[in-house]
Amino acid sequence: MATQIEYVKDYHSDCSALWGEPSSEPVRSLLSDWGIEVPASVGELEDWYGKAHPVNKAKIPIPVPTDIHGRFIALAREWVRGTEKHSNLTKIVMHPAYQQIIAMGPAVIPEIIRLMMKGPDHWFWALRALTQGQDPAEGLSTMRAATDAWIEWGKEYYDLG
C-alpha cells in the first residue's frame, strides 16, 4: 500500500503541468482551462500573485522606548490583579499580561529589576527568558535571596537610578 506522500508524488508525476511557475506555458494553459487569467508580464504577474495571496498585514504594536515604562507598569498591574489569588506558578507566568511583558523584549529588564527592588515577586521566569537563560539566582532557595541576586546582577548591567 502506498503512503500518502508516494501517492501524491505518483499523481503529480502524471500531471507535469502542475509543476512550475504561473508564467510557464503548461501552467498558464492549465490555469486558462480553469478560467484563471494570468498576466503576461513579470511585473503584472507579481501584482496578480500578491492579490491572489494577500500577505497578512496585521499591525502589532511595538512599544517605543518612551512608552516602555508606562506599558510595563500597566501590564504589571494587570498581571498582579489577575494572578493574586493563584498559587499555581504555571498559571502565574502564563498570564497574558506577563507574556506580553516578555514580548516587550530586553528593554523591559531594567523595569523588572526596579520593581523587584520594591519587593520580591515571580519575575524570575521572565528574566531568564529575556536574558536568554542567564540565572544569577541559580541554586538559591528563597525568593528573597533570588530577588537580591537578580537585583545585584541588574546593577552591574543597568543604570537603575
Protein backbone atom coordinates (compact mmCIF):
# COMPACT_ATOMS: atom_id res chain seq x y z
CA MET A 1 0.00 0.00 0.00
CA ALA A 2 1.43 3.38 -1.00
CA THR A 3 1.99 6.04 1.61
CA GLN A 4 0.22 9.35 1.26
CA ILE A 5 3.45 11.02 0.12
CA GLU A 6 4.08 8.32 -2.51
CA TYR A 7 0.51 8.69 -3.78
CA VAL A 8 0.84 12.46 -4.15
CA LYS A 9 4.25 12.06 -5.80
CA ASP A 10 2.90 9.49 -8.29
CA TYR A 11 -0.19 11.56 -9.00
CA HIS A 12 1.82 14.70 -9.68
CA SER A 13 4.34 12.89 -11.88
CA ASP A 14 1.46 12.29 -14.30
CA CYS A 15 0.40 15.97 -14.10
CA SER A 16 3.57 17.74 -15.12
CA ALA A 17 1.57 20.86 -15.92
CA LEU A 18 1.05 21.37 -12.19
CA TRP A 19 4.79 21.84 -11.64
CA GLY A 20 6.32 25.21 -12.42
CA GLU A 21 5.67 28.91 -12.28
CA PRO A 22 2.42 30.55 -13.44
CA SER A 23 4.46 32.13 -16.23
CA SER A 24 5.39 28.76 -17.79
CA GLU A 25 3.24 27.74 -20.76
CA PRO A 26 1.91 24.43 -19.37
CA VAL A 27 0.86 26.09 -16.11
CA ARG A 28 -0.57 29.11 -17.93
CA SER A 29 -2.56 26.75 -20.20
CA LEU A 30 -3.89 24.77 -17.25
CA LEU A 31 -4.90 27.95 -15.40
CA SER A 32 -6.58 29.19 -18.56
CA ASP A 33 -8.53 25.92 -18.79
CA TRP A 34 -9.72 26.59 -15.25
CA GLY A 35 -10.83 30.08 -16.22
CA ILE A 36 -7.99 31.89 -14.46
CA GLU A 37 -6.30 34.60 -16.49
CA VAL A 38 -2.63 35.07 -15.72
CA PRO A 39 -0.96 38.37 -16.73
CA ALA A 40 1.74 38.24 -19.39
CA SER A 41 4.48 40.43 -17.89
CA VAL A 42 6.52 39.57 -14.82
CA GLY A 43 5.52 42.82 -13.07
CA GLU A 44 1.83 42.17 -13.70
CA LEU A 45 2.32 38.58 -12.58
CA GLU A 46 3.78 39.73 -9.24
CA ASP A 47 0.82 42.09 -8.74
CA TRP A 48 -1.60 39.30 -9.66
CA TYR A 49 0.07 36.85 -7.28
CA GLY A 50 0.05 39.44 -4.49
CA LYS A 51 -3.70 39.94 -4.95
CA ALA A 52 -4.31 36.19 -5.14
CA HIS A 53 -2.24 35.56 -2.00
CA PRO A 54 -2.51 38.66 0.20
CA VAL A 55 0.02 38.97 2.97
CA ASN A 56 -1.42 39.37 6.44
CA LYS A 57 -0.56 42.96 7.29
CA ALA A 58 -1.90 42.96 10.84
CA LYS A 59 -0.07 45.59 12.81
CA ILE A 60 1.47 44.51 16.08
CA PRO A 61 2.08 47.41 18.43
CA ILE A 62 5.77 47.60 19.28
CA PRO A 63 6.45 49.90 22.21
CA VAL A 64 8.74 52.80 21.52
CA PRO A 65 11.40 53.46 24.18
CA THR A 66 9.47 56.36 25.74
CA ASP A 67 6.39 54.13 26.10
CA ILE A 68 8.11 51.13 27.70
CA HIS A 69 7.77 52.30 31.30
CA GLY A 70 4.06 53.12 31.06
CA ARG A 71 3.21 49.96 29.15
CA PHE A 72 5.24 47.82 31.57
CA ILE A 73 3.55 49.33 34.65
CA ALA A 74 0.08 48.85 33.13
CA LEU A 75 0.81 45.21 32.24
CA ALA A 76 2.46 44.52 35.62
CA ARG A 77 -0.62 45.85 37.43
CA GLU A 78 -2.89 43.76 35.21
CA TRP A 79 -0.72 40.69 35.90
CA VAL A 80 -0.77 41.22 39.68
CA ARG A 81 -4.56 41.75 39.72
CA GLY A 82 -5.10 38.71 37.51
CA THR A 83 -2.90 36.33 39.49
CA GLU A 84 -3.01 37.49 43.11
CA LYS A 85 -5.25 34.57 44.10
CA HIS A 86 -3.28 31.92 42.19
CA SER A 87 -0.74 29.65 43.81
CA ASN A 88 -0.02 27.69 40.63
CA LEU A 89 3.24 29.10 39.23
CA THR A 90 2.39 27.94 35.70
CA LYS A 91 -0.86 29.94 35.74
CA ILE A 92 1.00 32.94 37.16
CA VAL A 93 3.70 33.04 34.48
CA MET A 94 1.38 32.10 31.62
CA HIS A 95 -0.97 35.01 32.35
CA PRO A 96 -1.39 37.06 29.13
CA ALA A 97 -0.07 40.28 30.70
CA TYR A 98 3.09 38.51 31.91
CA GLN A 99 3.62 37.04 28.44
CA GLN A 100 3.13 40.49 26.89
CA ILE A 101 5.82 41.85 29.21
CA ILE A 102 8.22 39.16 27.99
CA ALA A 103 7.26 40.01 24.40
CA MET A 104 8.38 43.60 25.01
CA GLY A 105 11.94 42.26 24.87
CA PRO A 106 15.15 43.00 26.78
CA ALA A 107 14.37 46.73 27.01
CA VAL A 108 11.99 45.85 29.85
CA ILE A 109 14.67 44.18 32.04
CA PRO A 110 15.54 47.38 33.99
CA GLU A 111 11.83 47.93 34.65
CA ILE A 112 11.52 44.45 36.14
CA ILE A 113 14.64 44.89 38.27
CA ARG A 114 13.39 48.27 39.57
CA LEU A 115 10.09 46.66 40.52
CA MET A 116 11.92 43.80 42.25
CA MET A 117 13.78 46.41 44.32
CA LYS A 118 10.40 47.25 45.88
CA GLY A 119 9.77 43.62 46.81
CA PRO A 120 10.06 40.04 45.59
CA ASP A 121 7.69 38.62 43.01
CA HIS A 122 7.66 35.90 40.36
CA TRP A 123 9.79 37.72 37.77
CA PHE A 124 12.46 35.01 37.52
CA TRP A 125 10.85 33.20 34.59
CA ALA A 126 10.60 36.43 32.59
CA LEU A 127 14.17 37.45 33.43
CA ARG A 128 15.58 34.09 32.35
CA ALA A 129 13.65 34.36 29.06
CA LEU A 130 14.70 37.96 28.44
CA THR A 131 18.38 37.30 29.25
CA GLN A 132 18.49 34.13 27.14
CA GLY A 133 18.90 31.79 30.06
CA GLN A 134 21.09 33.71 32.48
CA ASP A 135 20.26 32.95 36.09
CA PRO A 136 22.27 34.63 38.85
CA ALA A 137 19.84 33.10 41.35
CA GLU A 138 20.54 29.50 40.35
CA GLY A 139 20.74 27.28 43.41
CA LEU A 140 19.26 29.84 45.80
CA SER A 141 16.38 28.50 47.84
CA THR A 142 14.38 31.55 48.91
CA MET A 143 12.51 34.11 46.87
CA ARG A 144 14.24 36.93 48.78
CA ALA A 145 17.72 35.54 48.03
CA ALA A 146 16.85 35.05 44.36
CA THR A 147 15.44 38.56 44.15
CA ASP A 148 18.59 40.01 45.72
CA ALA A 149 20.77 38.08 43.27
CA TRP A 150 18.84 39.46 40.30
CA ILE A 151 18.98 42.99 41.71
CA GLU A 152 22.77 42.75 42.09
CA TRP A 153 23.03 41.36 38.57
CA GLY A 154 20.88 44.23 37.27
CA LYS A 155 23.02 46.85 38.99
CA GLU A 156 26.07 45.55 37.08
CA TYR A 157 24.40 45.98 33.68
CA TYR A 158 21.89 48.81 34.03
CA ASP A 159 21.61 52.28 35.47
CA LEU A 160 18.72 51.62 37.82
CA GLY A 161 18.78 55.15 39.31
